[in-house]
Protein backbone atom coordinates (compact mmCIF):
# COMPACT_ATOMS: atom_id res chain seq x y z
CA UNK A 1 0.00 0.00 0.00
CA UNK A 2 1.21 3.46 -0.88
CA UNK A 3 -0.30 6.25 1.21
CA UNK A 4 -1.05 9.45 -0.68
CA UNK A 5 -2.85 12.66 0.32
CA UNK A 6 -6.03 11.55 -1.50
CA UNK A 7 -6.05 8.15 0.22
CA UNK A 8 -4.08 5.03 -0.59
CA UNK A 9 -3.01 3.04 -3.62
CA UNK A 10 -3.24 -0.69 -3.15
CA UNK A 11 -0.40 -2.35 -5.03
CA UNK A 12 -0.35 -5.91 -6.25
CA UNK A 13 2.55 -8.03 -4.93
CA UNK A 14 4.78 -7.56 -7.98
CA UNK A 15 4.28 -3.77 -8.04
CA UNK A 16 5.00 -3.60 -4.30
CA UNK A 17 8.22 -5.57 -4.78
CA UNK A 18 9.25 -3.36 -7.71
CA UNK A 19 8.83 -0.23 -5.60
CA UNK A 20 10.66 -1.84 -2.70
CA UNK A 21 13.58 -2.63 -5.01
CA UNK A 22 13.61 0.85 -6.58
CA UNK A 23 16.25 2.17 -4.22
CA UNK A 24 18.30 4.29 -6.63
CA UNK A 25 21.02 1.63 -6.80
CA UNK A 26 19.24 -1.03 -8.82
CA UNK A 27 18.57 -0.62 -12.52
CA UNK A 28 15.24 -1.35 -14.14
CA UNK A 29 16.86 -4.53 -15.50
CA UNK A 30 17.77 -5.59 -11.94
CA UNK A 31 14.18 -5.02 -10.82
CA UNK A 32 12.74 -6.87 -13.82
CA UNK A 33 15.08 -9.81 -13.18
CA UNK A 34 13.91 -10.02 -9.57
CA UNK A 35 10.25 -9.90 -10.62
CA UNK A 36 10.77 -12.63 -13.24
CA UNK A 37 12.47 -14.84 -10.64
CA UNK A 38 9.64 -14.47 -8.16
CA UNK A 39 6.50 -14.26 -10.33
CA UNK A 40 5.21 -16.14 -13.37
CA UNK A 41 5.85 -13.38 -15.92
CA UNK A 42 8.13 -12.86 -18.90
CA UNK A 43 10.89 -10.28 -18.82
CA UNK A 44 9.25 -8.30 -21.64
CA UNK A 45 5.91 -8.17 -19.86
CA UNK A 46 7.52 -7.20 -16.54
CA UNK A 47 9.60 -4.46 -18.17
CA UNK A 48 6.59 -3.00 -20.00
CA UNK A 49 4.38 -3.14 -16.90
CA UNK A 50 6.94 -1.52 -14.63
CA UNK A 51 8.01 1.14 -17.06
CA UNK A 52 4.33 2.11 -17.25
CA UNK A 53 3.93 1.91 -13.45
CA UNK A 54 7.02 4.04 -12.79
CA UNK A 55 5.92 6.56 -15.44
CA UNK A 56 2.45 6.90 -13.87
CA UNK A 57 3.90 7.28 -10.37
CA UNK A 58 6.43 9.86 -11.58
CA UNK A 59 3.72 11.85 -13.37
CA UNK A 60 1.79 12.06 -10.10
CA UNK A 61 4.96 13.10 -8.22
CA UNK A 62 5.20 9.94 -6.09
CA UNK A 63 8.67 8.99 -7.35
CA UNK A 64 11.55 10.63 -9.20
CA UNK A 65 12.85 9.05 -12.36
PDB file of N, CA and C in Angstrom:
ATOM      1  N   UNK A   1       0.851  -1.167   0.000  1.00  0.00           N
ATOM      2  CA  UNK A   1       0.000   0.000   0.000  1.00  0.00           C
ATOM      3  C   UNK A   1       0.896   1.229   0.000  1.00  0.00           C
ATOM      4  N   UNK A   2       0.500   2.197  -0.789  1.00  0.00           N
ATOM      5  CA  UNK A   2       1.213   3.456  -0.883  1.00  0.00           C
ATOM      6  C   UNK A   2       0.255   4.545  -0.424  1.00  0.00           C
ATOM      7  N   UNK A   3       0.574   5.200   0.685  1.00  0.00           N
ATOM      8  CA  UNK A   3      -0.296   6.250   1.209  1.00  0.00           C
ATOM      9  C   UNK A   3      -0.043   7.549   0.455  1.00  0.00           C
ATOM     10  N   UNK A   4      -1.127   8.186   0.042  1.00  0.00           N
ATOM     11  CA  UNK A   4      -1.048   9.448  -0.680  1.00  0.00           C
ATOM     12  C   UNK A   4      -2.052  10.410  -0.046  1.00  0.00           C
ATOM     13  N   UNK A   5      -1.923  11.709  -0.313  1.00  0.00           N
ATOM     14  CA  UNK A   5      -2.846  12.659   0.315  1.00  0.00           C
ATOM     15  C   UNK A   5      -4.321  12.357   0.042  1.00  0.00           C
ATOM     16  N   UNK A   6      -4.639  11.835  -1.144  1.00  0.00           N
ATOM     17  CA  UNK A   6      -6.028  11.554  -1.496  1.00  0.00           C
ATOM     18  C   UNK A   6      -6.531  10.245  -0.901  1.00  0.00           C
ATOM     19  N   UNK A   7      -5.654   9.453  -0.321  1.00  0.00           N
ATOM     20  CA  UNK A   7      -6.054   8.146   0.217  1.00  0.00           C
ATOM     21  C   UNK A   7      -4.896   7.179   0.172  1.00  0.00           C
ATOM     22  N   UNK A   8      -5.119   6.060  -0.509  1.00  0.00           N
ATOM     23  CA  UNK A   8      -4.083   5.032  -0.590  1.00  0.00           C
ATOM     24  C   UNK A   8      -4.190   4.305  -1.919  1.00  0.00           C
ATOM     25  N   UNK A   9      -3.054   3.893  -2.433  1.00  0.00           N
ATOM     26  CA  UNK A   9      -3.012   3.040  -3.616  1.00  0.00           C
ATOM     27  C   UNK A   9      -2.681   1.635  -3.148  1.00  0.00           C
ATOM     28  N   UNK A  10      -3.505   0.697  -3.508  1.00  0.00           N
ATOM     29  CA  UNK A  10      -3.240  -0.691  -3.152  1.00  0.00           C
ATOM     30  C   UNK A  10      -2.467  -1.315  -4.306  1.00  0.00           C
ATOM     31  N   UNK A  11      -1.281  -1.781  -4.013  1.00  0.00           N
ATOM     32  CA  UNK A  11      -0.403  -2.352  -5.030  1.00  0.00           C
ATOM     33  C   UNK A  11      -0.501  -3.869  -5.029  1.00  0.00           C
ATOM     34  N   UNK A  12      -0.414  -4.461  -6.211  1.00  0.00           N
ATOM     35  CA  UNK A  12      -0.347  -5.914  -6.248  1.00  0.00           C
ATOM     36  C   UNK A  12       1.054  -6.331  -5.792  1.00  0.00           C
ATOM     37  N   UNK A  13       1.260  -7.600  -5.492  1.00  0.00           N
ATOM     38  CA  UNK A  13       2.550  -8.032  -4.934  1.00  0.00           C
ATOM     39  C   UNK A  13       3.756  -7.704  -5.809  1.00  0.00           C
ATOM     40  N   UNK A  14       3.621  -7.842  -7.123  1.00  0.00           N
ATOM     41  CA  UNK A  14       4.776  -7.559  -7.981  1.00  0.00           C
ATOM     42  C   UNK A  14       5.077  -6.063  -8.035  1.00  0.00           C
ATOM     43  N   UNK A  15       4.060  -5.218  -8.056  1.00  0.00           N
ATOM     44  CA  UNK A  15       4.279  -3.769  -8.039  1.00  0.00           C
ATOM     45  C   UNK A  15       4.899  -3.335  -6.712  1.00  0.00           C
ATOM     46  N   UNK A  16       4.431  -3.919  -5.616  1.00  0.00           N
ATOM     47  CA  UNK A  16       4.996  -3.600  -4.299  1.00  0.00           C
ATOM     48  C   UNK A  16       6.471  -3.981  -4.240  1.00  0.00           C
ATOM     49  N   UNK A  17       6.813  -5.152  -4.777  1.00  0.00           N
ATOM     50  CA  UNK A  17       8.222  -5.572  -4.785  1.00  0.00           C
ATOM     51  C   UNK A  17       9.047  -4.640  -5.662  1.00  0.00           C
ATOM     52  N   UNK A  18       8.517  -4.270  -6.815  1.00  0.00           N
ATOM     53  CA  UNK A  18       9.248  -3.365  -7.706  1.00  0.00           C
ATOM     54  C   UNK A  18       9.564  -2.044  -7.013  1.00  0.00           C
ATOM     55  N   UNK A  19       8.581  -1.490  -6.318  1.00  0.00           N
ATOM     56  CA  UNK A  19       8.832  -0.230  -5.605  1.00  0.00           C
ATOM     57  C   UNK A  19       9.804  -0.419  -4.449  1.00  0.00           C
ATOM     58  N   UNK A  20       9.722  -1.551  -3.786  1.00  0.00           N
ATOM     59  CA  UNK A  20      10.658  -1.837  -2.699  1.00  0.00           C
ATOM     60  C   UNK A  20      12.091  -1.912  -3.235  1.00  0.00           C
ATOM     61  N   UNK A  21      12.253  -2.477  -4.423  1.00  0.00           N
ATOM     62  CA  UNK A  21      13.584  -2.630  -5.006  1.00  0.00           C
ATOM     63  C   UNK A  21      14.094  -1.355  -5.667  1.00  0.00           C
ATOM     64  N   UNK A  22      13.223  -0.404  -5.933  1.00  0.00           N
ATOM     65  CA  UNK A  22      13.610   0.855  -6.581  1.00  0.00           C
ATOM     66  C   UNK A  22      14.267   1.764  -5.553  1.00  0.00           C
ATOM     67  N   UNK A  23      15.524   1.476  -5.282  1.00  0.00           N
ATOM     68  CA  UNK A  23      16.250   2.173  -4.222  1.00  0.00           C
ATOM     69  C   UNK A  23      17.292   3.160  -4.740  1.00  0.00           C
ATOM     70  N   UNK A  24      17.316   3.384  -6.052  1.00  0.00           N
ATOM     71  CA  UNK A  24      18.300   4.287  -6.625  1.00  0.00           C
ATOM     72  C   UNK A  24      19.611   3.613  -6.964  1.00  0.00           C
ATOM     73  N   UNK A  25      19.798   2.393  -6.513  1.00  0.00           N
ATOM     74  CA  UNK A  25      21.022   1.634  -6.795  1.00  0.00           C
ATOM     75  C   UNK A  25      20.783   0.570  -7.862  1.00  0.00           C
ATOM     76  N   UNK A  26      19.578   0.014  -7.854  1.00  0.00           N
ATOM     77  CA  UNK A  26      19.245  -1.033  -8.821  1.00  0.00           C
ATOM     78  C   UNK A  26      18.747  -0.407 -10.116  1.00  0.00           C
ATOM     79  N   UNK A  27      19.074  -1.054 -11.222  1.00  0.00           N
ATOM     80  CA  UNK A  27      18.572  -0.616 -12.519  1.00  0.00           C
ATOM     81  C   UNK A  27      17.197  -1.234 -12.754  1.00  0.00           C
ATOM     82  N   UNK A  28      16.512  -0.752 -13.777  1.00  0.00           N
ATOM     83  CA  UNK A  28      15.239  -1.355 -14.142  1.00  0.00           C
ATOM     84  C   UNK A  28      15.441  -2.822 -14.498  1.00  0.00           C
ATOM     85  N   UNK A  29      16.556  -3.134 -15.159  1.00  0.00           N
ATOM     86  CA  UNK A  29      16.863  -4.528 -15.499  1.00  0.00           C
ATOM     87  C   UNK A  29      16.996  -5.377 -14.244  1.00  0.00           C
ATOM     88  N   UNK A  30      17.648  -4.863 -13.213  1.00  0.00           N
ATOM     89  CA  UNK A  30      17.770  -5.595 -11.940  1.00  0.00           C
ATOM     90  C   UNK A  30      16.388  -5.878 -11.351  1.00  0.00           C
ATOM     91  N   UNK A  31      15.523  -4.879 -11.384  1.00  0.00           N
ATOM     92  CA  UNK A  31      14.181  -5.025 -10.817  1.00  0.00           C
ATOM     93  C   UNK A  31      13.381  -6.034 -11.633  1.00  0.00           C
ATOM     94  N   UNK A  32      13.444  -5.925 -12.955  1.00  0.00           N
ATOM     95  CA  UNK A  32      12.739  -6.871 -13.823  1.00  0.00           C
ATOM     96  C   UNK A  32      13.227  -8.289 -13.568  1.00  0.00           C
ATOM     97  N   UNK A  33      14.529  -8.475 -13.450  1.00  0.00           N
ATOM     98  CA  UNK A  33      15.078  -9.807 -13.181  1.00  0.00           C
ATOM     99  C   UNK A  33      14.528 -10.384 -11.881  1.00  0.00           C
ATOM    100  N   UNK A  34      14.431  -9.557 -10.860  1.00  0.00           N
ATOM    101  CA  UNK A  34      13.907 -10.019  -9.565  1.00  0.00           C
ATOM    102  C   UNK A  34      12.431 -10.393  -9.685  1.00  0.00           C
ATOM    103  N   UNK A  35      11.675  -9.615 -10.440  1.00  0.00           N
ATOM    104  CA  UNK A  35      10.251  -9.899 -10.621  1.00  0.00           C
ATOM    105  C   UNK A  35      10.076 -11.213 -11.382  1.00  0.00           C
ATOM    106  N   UNK A  36      10.858 -11.405 -12.437  1.00  0.00           N
ATOM    107  CA  UNK A  36      10.766 -12.630 -13.242  1.00  0.00           C
ATOM    108  C   UNK A  36      11.113 -13.861 -12.396  1.00  0.00           C
ATOM    109  N   UNK A  37      12.100 -13.722 -11.520  1.00  0.00           N
ATOM    110  CA  UNK A  37      12.475 -14.839 -10.642  1.00  0.00           C
ATOM    111  C   UNK A  37      11.344 -15.220  -9.694  1.00  0.00           C
ATOM    112  N   UNK A  38      10.623 -14.230  -9.213  1.00  0.00           N
ATOM    113  CA  UNK A  38       9.635 -14.468  -8.159  1.00  0.00           C
ATOM    114  C   UNK A  38       8.217 -14.729  -8.665  1.00  0.00           C
ATOM    115  N   UNK A  39       7.873 -14.160  -9.822  1.00  0.00           N
ATOM    116  CA  UNK A  39       6.504 -14.260 -10.330  1.00  0.00           C
ATOM    117  C   UNK A  39       6.502 -14.918 -11.715  1.00  0.00           C
ATOM    118  N   UNK A  40       5.366 -15.465 -12.082  1.00  0.00           N
ATOM    119  CA  UNK A  40       5.211 -16.139 -13.368  1.00  0.00           C
ATOM    120  C   UNK A  40       4.923 -15.096 -14.447  1.00  0.00           C
ATOM    121  N   UNK A  41       5.980 -14.440 -14.928  1.00  0.00           N
ATOM    122  CA  UNK A  41       5.847 -13.376 -15.924  1.00  0.00           C
ATOM    123  C   UNK A  41       7.114 -13.353 -16.777  1.00  0.00           C
ATOM    124  N   UNK A  42       6.963 -12.982 -18.033  1.00  0.00           N
ATOM    125  CA  UNK A  42       8.131 -12.864 -18.903  1.00  0.00           C
ATOM    126  C   UNK A  42       8.855 -11.551 -18.621  1.00  0.00           C
ATOM    127  N   UNK A  43      10.099 -11.495 -19.020  1.00  0.00           N
ATOM    128  CA  UNK A  43      10.891 -10.276 -18.820  1.00  0.00           C
ATOM    129  C   UNK A  43      10.296  -9.113 -19.610  1.00  0.00           C
ATOM    130  N   UNK A  44       9.846  -9.371 -20.836  1.00  0.00           N
ATOM    131  CA  UNK A  44       9.251  -8.295 -21.640  1.00  0.00           C
ATOM    132  C   UNK A  44       7.993  -7.740 -20.991  1.00  0.00           C
ATOM    133  N   UNK A  45       7.145  -8.612 -20.513  1.00  0.00           N
ATOM    134  CA  UNK A  45       5.905  -8.167 -19.857  1.00  0.00           C
ATOM    135  C   UNK A  45       6.223  -7.383 -18.583  1.00  0.00           C
ATOM    136  N   UNK A  46       7.148  -7.894 -17.776  1.00  0.00           N
ATOM    137  CA  UNK A  46       7.518  -7.205 -16.539  1.00  0.00           C
ATOM    138  C   UNK A  46       8.096  -5.828 -16.841  1.00  0.00           C
ATOM    139  N   UNK A  47       8.980  -5.753 -17.817  1.00  0.00           N
ATOM    140  CA  UNK A  47       9.599  -4.464 -18.172  1.00  0.00           C
ATOM    141  C   UNK A  47       8.523  -3.469 -18.622  1.00  0.00           C
ATOM    142  N   UNK A  48       7.647  -3.895 -19.505  1.00  0.00           N
ATOM    143  CA  UNK A  48       6.588  -2.998 -19.999  1.00  0.00           C
ATOM    144  C   UNK A  48       5.677  -2.542 -18.864  1.00  0.00           C
ATOM    145  N   UNK A  49       5.272  -3.481 -18.016  1.00  0.00           N
ATOM    146  CA  UNK A  49       4.381  -3.145 -16.899  1.00  0.00           C
ATOM    147  C   UNK A  49       5.034  -2.160 -15.938  1.00  0.00           C
ATOM    148  N   UNK A  50       6.301  -2.381 -15.623  1.00  0.00           N
ATOM    149  CA  UNK A  50       6.937  -1.525 -14.625  1.00  0.00           C
ATOM    150  C   UNK A  50       7.413  -0.204 -15.184  1.00  0.00           C
ATOM    151  N   UNK A  51       7.734  -0.160 -16.461  1.00  0.00           N
ATOM    152  CA  UNK A  51       8.005   1.142 -17.065  1.00  0.00           C
ATOM    153  C   UNK A  51       6.734   1.992 -17.003  1.00  0.00           C
ATOM    154  N   UNK A  52       5.602   1.379 -17.309  1.00  0.00           N
ATOM    155  CA  UNK A  52       4.326   2.108 -17.251  1.00  0.00           C
ATOM    156  C   UNK A  52       3.993   2.513 -15.811  1.00  0.00           C
ATOM    157  N   UNK A  53       4.183   1.602 -14.865  1.00  0.00           N
ATOM    158  CA  UNK A  53       3.927   1.913 -13.455  1.00  0.00           C
ATOM    159  C   UNK A  53       4.804   3.068 -12.984  1.00  0.00           C
ATOM    160  N   UNK A  54       6.103   2.983 -13.238  1.00  0.00           N
ATOM    161  CA  UNK A  54       7.017   4.038 -12.795  1.00  0.00           C
ATOM    162  C   UNK A  54       6.691   5.366 -13.470  1.00  0.00           C
ATOM    163  N   UNK A  55       6.306   5.324 -14.755  1.00  0.00           N
ATOM    164  CA  UNK A  55       5.919   6.561 -15.445  1.00  0.00           C
ATOM    165  C   UNK A  55       4.688   7.189 -14.796  1.00  0.00           C
ATOM    166  N   UNK A  56       3.670   6.372 -14.499  1.00  0.00           N
ATOM    167  CA  UNK A  56       2.452   6.903 -13.869  1.00  0.00           C
ATOM    168  C   UNK A  56       2.750   7.478 -12.488  1.00  0.00           C
ATOM    169  N   UNK A  57       3.567   6.781 -11.716  1.00  0.00           N
ATOM    170  CA  UNK A  57       3.896   7.278 -10.374  1.00  0.00           C
ATOM    171  C   UNK A  57       4.721   8.557 -10.444  1.00  0.00           C
ATOM    172  N   UNK A  58       5.619   8.649 -11.414  1.00  0.00           N
ATOM    173  CA  UNK A  58       6.431   9.862 -11.579  1.00  0.00           C
ATOM    174  C   UNK A  58       5.560  11.036 -12.020  1.00  0.00           C
ATOM    175  N   UNK A  59       4.611  10.785 -12.916  1.00  0.00           N
ATOM    176  CA  UNK A  59       3.717  11.851 -13.371  1.00  0.00           C
ATOM    177  C   UNK A  59       2.901  12.434 -12.224  1.00  0.00           C
ATOM    178  N   UNK A  60       2.569  11.592 -11.260  1.00  0.00           N
ATOM    179  CA  UNK A  60       1.794  12.063 -10.098  1.00  0.00           C
ATOM    180  C   UNK A  60       2.696  12.608  -8.994  1.00  0.00           C
ATOM    181  N   UNK A  61       4.020  12.556  -9.197  1.00  0.00           N
ATOM    182  CA  UNK A  61       4.957  13.102  -8.218  1.00  0.00           C
ATOM    183  C   UNK A  61       5.274  12.182  -7.059  1.00  0.00           C
ATOM    184  N   UNK A  62       4.934  10.893  -7.188  1.00  0.00           N
ATOM    185  CA  UNK A  62       5.197   9.945  -6.091  1.00  0.00           C
ATOM    186  C   UNK A  62       6.632   9.439  -6.081  1.00  0.00           C
ATOM    187  N   UNK A  63       7.268   9.420  -7.257  1.00  0.00           N
ATOM    188  CA  UNK A  63       8.668   8.988  -7.347  1.00  0.00           C
ATOM    189  C   UNK A  63       9.392   9.908  -8.305  1.00  0.00           C
ATOM    190  N   UNK A  64      10.704   9.914  -8.233  1.00  0.00           N
ATOM    191  CA  UNK A  64      11.547  10.626  -9.198  1.00  0.00           C
ATOM    192  C   UNK A  64      12.127   9.599 -10.145  1.00  0.00           C
ATOM    193  N   UNK A  65      12.241   9.967 -11.400  1.00  0.00           N
ATOM    194  CA  UNK A  65      12.847   9.048 -12.358  1.00  0.00           C
ATOM    195  C   UNK A  65      14.177   9.573 -12.796  1.00  0.00           C
TER     196      UNK A  65
END
